[in-house]
Amino acid sequence: MVIIVRYKPVPQKLTIRYVFLDGTKAAETYSGTVLTGEQYSIESPNIPGYVALKIRIAGTNPGRDEQYTVLYVPEGMTVVPDPDTPTGLDTTYLQIGICYE
């Protein structure tokens, strides 16, 4: 007995929001479609006077819709390194929000 299985990639949504520190929209939201297993690479828009903390969103679609948010900060602002950059701090989770003491 021979069983033939045909793989058909499924389209998945890829959404990238671009925001400033205060949460307001920095650029138009990217909305596209990628196939399951397909690689993608989307460059963040250039906004004069600001720096995107993620220059490019890239990866391989794992078989589900994906959503990303790219944060823009003023040029010259000191920022924490990209979470993908090894810091030697083991597992560290960074969040932006209000801090109370």
PDB file of N, CA and C in Angstrom:
ATOM      1  N   MET A   1       0.840  -1.171   0.000  1.00  0.00           N
ATOM      2  CA  MET A   1       0.000   0.000   0.000  1.00  0.00           C
ATOM      3  C   MET A   1       0.894   1.246   0.000  1.00  0.00           C
ATOM      4  N   VAL A   2       0.579   2.175  -0.851  1.00  0.00           N
ATOM      5  CA  VAL A   2       1.310   3.441  -0.935  1.00  0.00           C
ATOM      6  C   VAL A   2       0.334   4.573  -0.643  1.00  0.00           C
ATOM      7  N   ILE A   3       0.745   5.423   0.295  1.00  0.00           N
ATOM      8  CA  ILE A   3      -0.080   6.590   0.616  1.00  0.00           C
ATOM      9  C   ILE A   3       0.676   7.831   0.168  1.00  0.00           C
ATOM     10  N   ILE A   4       0.040   8.626  -0.648  1.00  0.00           N
ATOM     11  CA  ILE A   4       0.661   9.862  -1.126  1.00  0.00           C
ATOM     12  C   ILE A   4       0.056  11.027  -0.346  1.00  0.00           C
ATOM     13  N   VAL A   5       0.930  11.790   0.269  1.00  0.00           N
ATOM     14  CA  VAL A   5       0.501  12.959   1.023  1.00  0.00           C
ATOM     15  C   VAL A   5       1.025  14.186   0.308  1.00  0.00           C
ATOM     16  N   ARG A   6       0.134  15.102   0.013  1.00  0.00           N
ATOM     17  CA  ARG A   6       0.545  16.339  -0.644  1.00  0.00           C
ATOM     18  C   ARG A   6       0.472  17.473   0.353  1.00  0.00           C
ATOM     19  N   TYR A   7       1.561  18.216   0.464  1.00  0.00           N
ATOM     20  CA  TYR A   7       1.658  19.342   1.386  1.00  0.00           C
ATOM     21  C   TYR A   7       1.236  20.609   0.652  1.00  0.00           C
ATOM     22  N   LYS A   8       0.314  21.317   1.251  1.00  0.00           N
ATOM     23  CA  LYS A   8      -0.124  22.585   0.670  1.00  0.00           C
ATOM     24  C   LYS A   8       0.069  23.673   1.726  1.00  0.00           C
ATOM     25  N   PRO A   9       1.039  24.592   1.507  1.00  0.00           N
ATOM     26  CA  PRO A   9       1.260  25.662   2.475  1.00  0.00           C
ATOM     27  C   PRO A   9      -0.009  26.498   2.669  1.00  0.00           C
ATOM     28  N   VAL A  10      -0.236  26.880   3.899  1.00  0.00           N
ATOM     29  CA  VAL A  10      -1.428  27.654   4.243  1.00  0.00           C
ATOM     30  C   VAL A  10      -1.032  29.121   4.411  1.00  0.00           C
ATOM     31  N   PRO A  11      -1.776  30.057   3.815  1.00  0.00           N
ATOM     32  CA  PRO A  11      -1.466  31.474   3.994  1.00  0.00           C
ATOM     33  C   PRO A  11      -1.712  31.912   5.445  1.00  0.00           C
ATOM     34  N   GLN A  12      -0.768  32.685   5.987  1.00  0.00           N
ATOM     35  CA  GLN A  12      -0.876  33.210   7.348  1.00  0.00           C
ATOM     36  C   GLN A  12      -0.698  34.725   7.291  1.00  0.00           C
ATOM     37  N   LYS A  13      -1.341  35.438   8.217  1.00  0.00           N
ATOM     38  CA  LYS A  13      -1.237  36.896   8.253  1.00  0.00           C
ATOM     39  C   LYS A  13       0.025  37.323   9.010  1.00  0.00           C
ATOM     40  N   LEU A  14       0.706  38.330   8.476  1.00  0.00           N
ATOM     41  CA  LEU A  14       1.858  38.947   9.129  1.00  0.00           C
ATOM     42  C   LEU A  14       1.523  40.424   9.314  1.00  0.00           C
ATOM     43  N   THR A  15       1.490  40.870  10.571  1.00  0.00           N
ATOM     44  CA  THR A  15       1.135  42.250  10.894  1.00  0.00           C
ATOM     45  C   THR A  15       2.261  42.868  11.710  1.00  0.00           C
ATOM     46  N   ILE A  16       2.695  44.072  11.290  1.00  0.00           N
ATOM     47  CA  ILE A  16       3.747  44.787  12.012  1.00  0.00           C
ATOM     48  C   ILE A  16       3.256  46.201  12.284  1.00  0.00           C
ATOM     49  N   ARG A  17       3.156  46.548  13.576  1.00  0.00           N
ATOM     50  CA  ARG A  17       2.764  47.902  13.978  1.00  0.00           C
ATOM     51  C   ARG A  17       4.029  48.701  14.273  1.00  0.00           C
ATOM     52  N   TYR A  18       3.995  49.981  13.937  1.00  0.00           N
ATOM     53  CA  TYR A  18       5.118  50.882  14.190  1.00  0.00           C
ATOM     54  C   TYR A  18       4.624  51.990  15.113  1.00  0.00           C
ATOM     55  N   VAL A  19       5.206  52.079  16.322  1.00  0.00           N
ATOM     56  CA  VAL A  19       4.714  53.041  17.315  1.00  0.00           C
ATOM     57  C   VAL A  19       5.857  53.820  17.977  1.00  0.00           C
ATOM     58  N   PHE A  20       5.504  55.025  18.480  1.00  0.00           N
ATOM     59  CA  PHE A  20       6.422  55.829  19.281  1.00  0.00           C
ATOM     60  C   PHE A  20       6.311  55.383  20.735  1.00  0.00           C
ATOM     61  N   LEU A  21       7.177  55.925  21.592  1.00  0.00           N
ATOM     62  CA  LEU A  21       7.190  55.563  23.015  1.00  0.00           C
ATOM     63  C   LEU A  21       5.843  55.757  23.695  1.00  0.00           C
ATOM     64  N   ASP A  22       5.082  56.777  23.264  1.00  0.00           N
ATOM     65  CA  ASP A  22       3.799  57.048  23.907  1.00  0.00           C
ATOM     66  C   ASP A  22       2.662  56.193  23.346  1.00  0.00           C
ATOM     67  N   GLY A  23       2.980  55.298  22.424  1.00  0.00           N
ATOM     68  CA  GLY A  23       1.987  54.388  21.875  1.00  0.00           C
ATOM     69  C   GLY A  23       1.292  54.888  20.624  1.00  0.00           C
ATOM     70  N   THR A  24       1.565  56.127  20.207  1.00  0.00           N
ATOM     71  CA  THR A  24       0.931  56.646  18.993  1.00  0.00           C
ATOM     72  C   THR A  24       1.589  56.032  17.757  1.00  0.00           C
ATOM     73  N   LYS A  25       0.836  56.030  16.674  1.00  0.00           N
ATOM     74  CA  LYS A  25       1.296  55.411  15.436  1.00  0.00           C
ATOM     75  C   LYS A  25       2.455  56.199  14.839  1.00  0.00           C
ATOM     76  N   ALA A  26       3.556  55.505  14.535  1.00  0.00           N
ATOM     77  CA  ALA A  26       4.732  56.133  13.937  1.00  0.00           C
ATOM     78  C   ALA A  26       4.702  56.015  12.413  1.00  0.00           C
ATOM     79  N   ALA A  27       4.121  54.942  11.910  1.00  0.00           N
ATOM     80  CA  ALA A  27       4.024  54.704  10.468  1.00  0.00           C
ATOM     81  C   ALA A  27       2.835  53.773  10.236  1.00  0.00           C
ATOM     82  N   GLU A  28       2.448  53.660   8.979  1.00  0.00           N
ATOM     83  CA  GLU A  28       1.332  52.778   8.635  1.00  0.00           C
ATOM     84  C   GLU A  28       1.662  51.327   9.003  1.00  0.00           C
ATOM     85  N   THR A  29       0.698  50.624   9.524  1.00  0.00           N
ATOM     86  CA  THR A  29       0.854  49.219   9.891  1.00  0.00           C
ATOM     87  C   THR A  29       1.093  48.385   8.640  1.00  0.00           C
ATOM     88  N   TYR A  30       2.087  47.503   8.721  1.00  0.00           N
ATOM     89  CA  TYR A  30       2.344  46.576   7.622  1.00  0.00           C
ATOM     90  C   TYR A  30       1.417  45.385   7.798  1.00  0.00           C
ATOM     91  N   SER A  31       0.741  45.007   6.738  1.00  0.00           N
ATOM     92  CA  SER A  31      -0.127  43.835   6.770  1.00  0.00           C
ATOM     93  C   SER A  31       0.122  43.044   5.495  1.00  0.00           C
ATOM     94  N   GLY A  32       0.537  41.810   5.671  1.00  0.00           N
ATOM     95  CA  GLY A  32       0.826  40.987   4.516  1.00  0.00           C
ATOM     96  C   GLY A  32       0.486  39.531   4.779  1.00  0.00           C
ATOM     97  N   THR A  33       0.739  38.703   3.799  1.00  0.00           N
ATOM     98  CA  THR A  33       0.472  37.279   3.909  1.00  0.00           C
ATOM     99  C   THR A  33       1.736  36.507   3.566  1.00  0.00           C
ATOM    100  N   VAL A  34       2.042  35.514   4.385  1.00  0.00           N
ATOM    101  CA  VAL A  34       3.157  34.605   4.114  1.00  0.00           C
ATOM    102  C   VAL A  34       2.629  33.179   4.219  1.00  0.00           C
ATOM    103  N   LEU A  35       3.261  32.282   3.506  1.00  0.00           N
ATOM    104  CA  LEU A  35       2.847  30.884   3.550  1.00  0.00           C
ATOM    105  C   LEU A  35       3.545  30.179   4.701  1.00  0.00           C
ATOM    106  N   THR A  36       2.916  29.166   5.235  1.00  0.00           N
ATOM    107  CA  THR A  36       3.528  28.352   6.284  1.00  0.00           C
ATOM    108  C   THR A  36       4.886  27.864   5.804  1.00  0.00           C
ATOM    109  N   GLY A  37       5.934  28.098   6.623  1.00  0.00           N
ATOM    110  CA  GLY A  37       7.284  27.679   6.267  1.00  0.00           C
ATOM    111  C   GLY A  37       8.035  28.660   5.392  1.00  0.00           C
ATOM    112  N   GLU A  38       7.374  29.710   4.944  1.00  0.00           N
ATOM    113  CA  GLU A  38       8.015  30.697   4.078  1.00  0.00           C
ATOM    114  C   GLU A  38       8.829  31.697   4.895  1.00  0.00           C
ATOM    115  N   GLN A  39       9.990  32.087   4.375  1.00  0.00           N
ATOM    116  CA  GLN A  39      10.810  33.093   5.030  1.00  0.00           C
ATOM    117  C   GLN A  39      10.332  34.482   4.617  1.00  0.00           C
ATOM    118  N   TYR A  40      10.509  35.447   5.537  1.00  0.00           N
ATOM    119  CA  TYR A  40      10.141  36.829   5.233  1.00  0.00           C
ATOM    120  C   TYR A  40      11.158  37.763   5.866  1.00  0.00           C
ATOM    121  N   SER A  41      11.261  38.960   5.307  1.00  0.00           N
ATOM    122  CA  SER A  41      12.159  39.987   5.828  1.00  0.00           C
ATOM    123  C   SER A  41      11.549  41.334   5.456  1.00  0.00           C
ATOM    124  N   ILE A  42      11.071  42.065   6.469  1.00  0.00           N
ATOM    125  CA  ILE A  42      10.423  43.349   6.255  1.00  0.00           C
ATOM    126  C   ILE A  42      11.246  44.422   6.967  1.00  0.00           C
ATOM    127  N   GLU A  43      11.719  45.404   6.215  1.00  0.00           N
ATOM    128  CA  GLU A  43      12.514  46.476   6.798  1.00  0.00           C
ATOM    129  C   GLU A  43      11.591  47.534   7.396  1.00  0.00           C
ATOM    130  N   SER A  44      11.958  48.022   8.587  1.00  0.00           N
ATOM    131  CA  SER A  44      11.174  49.056   9.262  1.00  0.00           C
ATOM    132  C   SER A  44      11.338  50.383   8.518  1.00  0.00           C
ATOM    133  N   PRO A  45      10.253  51.170   8.412  1.00  0.00           N
ATOM    134  CA  PRO A  45      10.331  52.457   7.720  1.00  0.00           C
ATOM    135  C   PRO A  45      11.303  53.416   8.416  1.00  0.00           C
ATOM    136  N   ASN A  46      11.917  54.276   7.626  1.00  0.00           N
ATOM    137  CA  ASN A  46      12.808  55.302   8.154  1.00  0.00           C
ATOM    138  C   ASN A  46      11.965  56.522   8.532  1.00  0.00           C
ATOM    139  N   ILE A  47      12.088  56.975   9.780  1.00  0.00           N
ATOM    140  CA  ILE A  47      11.367  58.155  10.245  1.00  0.00           C
ATOM    141  C   ILE A  47      12.413  59.164  10.723  1.00  0.00           C
ATOM    142  N   PRO A  48      12.544  60.309  10.041  1.00  0.00           N
ATOM    143  CA  PRO A  48      13.562  61.297  10.420  1.00  0.00           C
ATOM    144  C   PRO A  48      13.448  61.694  11.899  1.00  0.00           C
ATOM    145  N   GLY A  49      14.595  61.699  12.582  1.00  0.00           N
ATOM    146  CA  GLY A  49      14.634  62.085  13.985  1.00  0.00           C
ATOM    147  C   GLY A  49      14.393  60.942  14.956  1.00  0.00           C
ATOM    148  N   TYR A  50      14.082  59.743  14.418  1.00  0.00           N
ATOM    149  CA  TYR A  50      13.789  58.584  15.270  1.00  0.00           C
ATOM    150  C   TYR A  50      14.567  57.368  14.797  1.00  0.00           C
ATOM    151  N   VAL A  51      14.764  56.431  15.716  1.00  0.00           N
ATOM    152  CA  VAL A  51      15.453  55.172  15.417  1.00  0.00           C
ATOM    153  C   VAL A  51      14.516  54.020  15.764  1.00  0.00           C
ATOM    154  N   ALA A  52      14.376  53.076  14.846  1.00  0.00           N
ATOM    155  CA  ALA A  52      13.579  51.872  15.112  1.00  0.00           C
ATOM    156  C   ALA A  52      14.418  50.912  15.942  1.00  0.00           C
ATOM    157  N   LEU A  53      13.832  50.356  17.015  1.00  0.00           N
ATOM    158  CA  LEU A  53      14.580  49.405  17.834  1.00  0.00           C
ATOM    159  C   LEU A  53      14.733  48.055  17.140  1.00  0.00           C
ATOM    160  N   LYS A  54      13.940  47.795  16.122  1.00  0.00           N
ATOM    161  CA  LYS A  54      14.097  46.611  15.268  1.00  0.00           C
ATOM    162  C   LYS A  54      14.182  47.128  13.839  1.00  0.00           C
ATOM    163  N   ILE A  55      15.360  47.069  13.251  1.00  0.00           N
ATOM    164  CA  ILE A  55      15.560  47.571  11.892  1.00  0.00           C
ATOM    165  C   ILE A  55      14.821  46.703  10.875  1.00  0.00           C
ATOM    166  N   ARG A  56      14.747  45.422  11.161  1.00  0.00           N
ATOM    167  CA  ARG A  56      14.117  44.476  10.229  1.00  0.00           C
ATOM    168  C   ARG A  56      13.413  43.384  11.019  1.00  0.00           C
ATOM    169  N   ILE A  57      12.224  43.033  10.575  1.00  0.00           N
ATOM    170  CA  ILE A  57      11.511  41.884  11.127  1.00  0.00           C
ATOM    171  C   ILE A  57      11.704  40.751  10.118  1.00  0.00           C
ATOM    172  N   ALA A  58      12.341  39.677  10.554  1.00  0.00           N
ATOM    173  CA  ALA A  58      12.634  38.573   9.648  1.00  0.00           C
ATOM    174  C   ALA A  58      12.436  37.256  10.372  1.00  0.00           C
ATOM    175  N   GLY A  59      12.120  36.240   9.602  1.00  0.00           N
ATOM    176  CA  GLY A  59      11.956  34.915  10.182  1.00  0.00           C
ATOM    177  C   GLY A  59      11.332  33.962   9.194  1.00  0.00           C
ATOM    178  N   THR A  60      10.883  32.844   9.716  1.00  0.00           N
ATOM    179  CA  THR A  60      10.190  31.832   8.936  1.00  0.00           C
ATOM    180  C   THR A  60       8.839  31.598   9.595  1.00  0.00           C
ATOM    181  N   ASN A  61       7.774  31.664   8.829  1.00  0.00           N
ATOM    182  CA  ASN A  61       6.445  31.512   9.415  1.00  0.00           C
ATOM    183  C   ASN A  61       6.261  30.113   9.982  1.00  0.00           C
ATOM    184  N   PRO A  62       5.852  30.025  11.259  1.00  0.00           N
ATOM    185  CA  PRO A  62       5.716  28.733  11.929  1.00  0.00           C
ATOM    186  C   PRO A  62       4.371  28.036  11.700  1.00  0.00           C
ATOM    187  N   GLY A  63       3.513  28.630  10.887  1.00  0.00           N
ATOM    188  CA  GLY A  63       2.217  27.998  10.644  1.00  0.00           C
ATOM    189  C   GLY A  63       1.099  28.666  11.412  1.00  0.00           C
ATOM    190  N   ARG A  64       1.279  29.924  11.760  1.00  0.00           N
ATOM    191  CA  ARG A  64       0.226  30.678  12.447  1.00  0.00           C
ATOM    192  C   ARG A  64       0.385  32.158  12.106  1.00  0.00           C
ATOM    193  N   ASP A  65      -0.663  32.937  12.350  1.00  0.00           N
ATOM    194  CA  ASP A  65      -0.577  34.384  12.172  1.00  0.00           C
ATOM    195  C   ASP A  65       0.463  34.941  13.129  1.00  0.00           C
ATOM    196  N   GLU A  66       1.191  35.973  12.693  1.00  0.00           N
ATOM    197  CA  GLU A  66       2.213  36.585  13.536  1.00  0.00           C
ATOM    198  C   GLU A  66       1.978  38.090  13.607  1.00  0.00           C
ATOM    199  N   GLN A  67       2.218  38.669  14.801  1.00  0.00           N
ATOM    200  CA  GLN A  67       2.087  40.103  15.014  1.00  0.00           C
ATOM    201  C   GLN A  67       3.330  40.616  15.726  1.00  0.00           C
ATOM    202  N   TYR A  68       3.853  41.725  15.250  1.00  0.00           N
ATOM    203  CA  TYR A  68       5.021  42.358  15.851  1.00  0.00           C
ATOM    204  C   TYR A  68       4.728  43.835  16.057  1.00  0.00           C
ATOM    205  N   THR A  69       5.432  44.441  17.020  1.00  0.00           N
ATOM    206  CA  THR A  69       5.373  45.877  17.232  1.00  0.00           C
ATOM    207  C   THR A  69       6.804  46.392  17.253  1.00  0.00           C
ATOM    208  N   VAL A  70       7.075  47.389  16.408  1.00  0.00           N
ATOM    209  CA  VAL A  70       8.392  48.011  16.352  1.00  0.00           C
ATOM    210  C   VAL A  70       8.284  49.359  17.049  1.00  0.00           C
ATOM    211  N   LEU A  71       9.155  49.584  18.018  1.00  0.00           N
ATOM    212  CA  LEU A  71       9.148  50.806  18.806  1.00  0.00           C
ATOM    213  C   LEU A  71      10.174  51.781  18.243  1.00  0.00           C
ATOM    214  N   TYR A  72       9.758  53.048  18.101  1.00  0.00           N
ATOM    215  CA  TYR A  72      10.649  54.109  17.635  1.00  0.00           C
ATOM    216  C   TYR A  72      10.989  55.027  18.799  1.00  0.00           C
ATOM    217  N   VAL A  73      12.284  55.335  18.950  1.00  0.00           N
ATOM    218  CA  VAL A  73      12.758  56.237  20.007  1.00  0.00           C
ATOM    219  C   VAL A  73      13.488  57.402  19.343  1.00  0.00           C
ATOM    220  N   PRO A  74      13.555  58.560  20.036  1.00  0.00           N
ATOM    221  CA  PRO A  74      14.282  59.693  19.465  1.00  0.00           C
ATOM    222  C   PRO A  74      15.759  59.356  19.254  1.00  0.00           C
ATOM    223  N   GLU A  75      16.341  59.911  18.177  1.00  0.00           N
ATOM    224  CA  GLU A  75      17.766  59.706  17.928  1.00  0.00           C
ATOM    225  C   GLU A  75      18.566  60.194  19.122  1.00  0.00           C
ATOM    226  N   GLY A  76      19.609  59.477  19.472  1.00  0.00           N
ATOM    227  CA  GLY A  76      20.463  59.868  20.573  1.00  0.00           C
ATOM    228  C   GLY A  76      20.006  59.358  21.928  1.00  0.00           C
ATOM    229  N   MET A  77      18.822  58.777  22.008  1.00  0.00           N
ATOM    230  CA  MET A  77      18.322  58.245  23.272  1.00  0.00           C
ATOM    231  C   MET A  77      19.050  56.951  23.599  1.00  0.00           C
ATOM    232  N   THR A  78      19.462  56.781  24.839  1.00  0.00           N
ATOM    233  CA  THR A  78      20.102  55.550  25.274  1.00  0.00           C
ATOM    234  C   THR A  78      19.022  54.499  25.478  1.00  0.00           C
ATOM    235  N   VAL A  79      19.218  53.346  24.867  1.00  0.00           N
ATOM    236  CA  VAL A  79      18.217  52.277  24.963  1.00  0.00           C
ATOM    237  C   VAL A  79      18.870  50.990  25.430  1.00  0.00           C
ATOM    238  N   VAL A  80      18.062  50.107  25.982  1.00  0.00           N
ATOM    239  CA  VAL A  80      18.507  48.772  26.370  1.00  0.00           C
ATOM    240  C   VAL A  80      18.780  47.996  25.088  1.00  0.00           C
ATOM    241  N   PRO A  81      19.822  47.171  25.064  1.00  0.00           N
ATOM    242  CA  PRO A  81      20.117  46.409  23.836  1.00  0.00           C
ATOM    243  C   PRO A  81      18.925  45.576  23.379  1.00  0.00           C
ATOM    244  N   ASP A  82      18.923  45.275  22.111  1.00  0.00           N
ATOM    245  CA  ASP A  82      17.904  44.422  21.510  1.00  0.00           C
ATOM    246  C   ASP A  82      17.807  43.132  22.311  1.00  0.00           C
ATOM    247  N   PRO A  83      16.580  42.643  22.608  1.00  0.00           N
ATOM    248  CA  PRO A  83      16.435  41.407  23.393  1.00  0.00           C
ATOM    249  C   PRO A  83      17.120  40.197  22.771  1.00  0.00           C
ATOM    250  N   ASP A  84      17.404  40.241  21.462  1.00  0.00           N
ATOM    251  CA  ASP A  84      18.088  39.124  20.809  1.00  0.00           C
ATOM    252  C   ASP A  84      19.597  39.169  21.022  1.00  0.00           C
ATOM    253  N   THR A  85      20.103  40.281  21.569  1.00  0.00           N
ATOM    254  CA  THR A  85      21.530  40.426  21.807  1.00  0.00           C
ATOM    255  C   THR A  85      21.890  39.774  23.140  1.00  0.00           C
ATOM    256  N   PRO A  86      22.849  38.832  23.154  1.00  0.00           N
ATOM    257  CA  PRO A  86      23.225  38.187  24.420  1.00  0.00           C
ATOM    258  C   PRO A  86      23.741  39.216  25.433  1.00  0.00           C
ATOM    259  N   THR A  87      23.234  39.157  26.648  1.00  0.00           N
ATOM    260  CA  THR A  87      23.658  40.090  27.690  1.00  0.00           C
ATOM    261  C   THR A  87      24.331  39.373  28.845  1.00  0.00           C
ATOM    262  N   GLY A  88      24.280  38.035  28.858  1.00  0.00           N
ATOM    263  CA  GLY A  88      24.848  37.286  29.963  1.00  0.00           C
ATOM    264  C   GLY A  88      23.970  37.321  31.197  1.00  0.00           C
ATOM    265  N   LEU A  89      22.722  37.737  31.048  1.00  0.00           N
ATOM    266  CA  LEU A  89      21.814  37.844  32.191  1.00  0.00           C
ATOM    267  C   LEU A  89      20.826  36.683  32.248  1.00  0.00           C
ATOM    268  N   ASP A  90      21.109  35.595  31.567  1.00  0.00           N
ATOM    269  CA  ASP A  90      20.217  34.448  31.507  1.00  0.00           C
ATOM    270  C   ASP A  90      18.918  34.879  30.836  1.00  0.00           C
ATOM    271  N   THR A  91      17.779  34.439  31.290  1.00  0.00           N
ATOM    272  CA  THR A  91      16.512  34.811  30.680  1.00  0.00           C
ATOM    273  C   THR A  91      16.039  36.124  31.273  1.00  0.00           C
ATOM    274  N   THR A  92      15.918  37.127  30.442  1.00  0.00           N
ATOM    275  CA  THR A  92      15.502  38.451  30.892  1.00  0.00           C
ATOM    276  C   THR A  92      14.311  38.895  30.067  1.00  0.00           C
ATOM    277  N   TYR A  93      13.292  39.385  30.715  1.00  0.00           N
ATOM    278  CA  TYR A  93      12.112  39.879  30.016  1.00  0.00           C
ATOM    279  C   TYR A  93      12.050  41.387  30.201  1.00  0.00           C
ATOM    280  N   LEU A  94      11.980  42.105  29.099  1.00  0.00           N
ATOM    281  CA  LEU A  94      11.924  43.555  29.148  1.00  0.00           C
ATOM    282  C   LEU A  94      10.530  44.009  28.749  1.00  0.00           C
ATOM    283  N   GLN A  95       9.989  44.949  29.500  1.00  0.00           N
ATOM    284  CA  GLN A  95       8.681  45.507  29.172  1.00  0.00           C
ATOM    285  C   GLN A  95       8.746  47.013  29.358  1.00  0.00           C
ATOM    286  N   ILE A  96       7.930  47.713  28.608  1.00  0.00           N
ATOM    287  CA  ILE A  96       7.849  49.159  28.745  1.00  0.00           C
ATOM    288  C   ILE A  96       6.560  49.473  29.481  1.00  0.00           C
ATOM    289  N   GLY A  97       6.627  50.343  30.446  1.00  0.00           N
ATOM    290  CA  GLY A  97       5.430  50.693  31.191  1.00  0.00           C
ATOM    291  C   GLY A  97       5.765  51.689  32.286  1.00  0.00           C
ATOM    292  N   ILE A  98       4.849  51.876  33.159  1.00  0.00           N
ATOM    293  CA  ILE A  98       5.040  52.805  34.264  1.00  0.00           C
ATOM    294  C   ILE A  98       5.630  52.036  35.451  1.00  0.00           C
ATOM    295  N   CYS A  99       6.631  52.617  36.077  1.00  0.00           N
ATOM    296  CA  CYS A  99       7.274  51.976  37.215  1.00  0.00           C
ATOM    297  C   CYS A  99       7.018  52.809  38.456  1.00  0.00           C
ATOM    298  N   TYR A 100       6.525  52.178  39.503  1.00  0.00           N
ATOM    299  CA  TYR A 100       6.263  52.851  40.769  1.00  0.00           C
ATOM    300  C   TYR A 100       7.243  52.353  41.810  1.00  0.00           C
ATOM    301  N   GLU A 101       7.715  53.258  42.684  1.00  0.00           N
ATOM    302  CA  GLU A 101       8.593  52.849  43.773  1.00  0.00           C
ATOM    303  C   GLU A 101       7.893  53.085  45.087  1.00  0.00           C
TER     304      GLU A 101
END
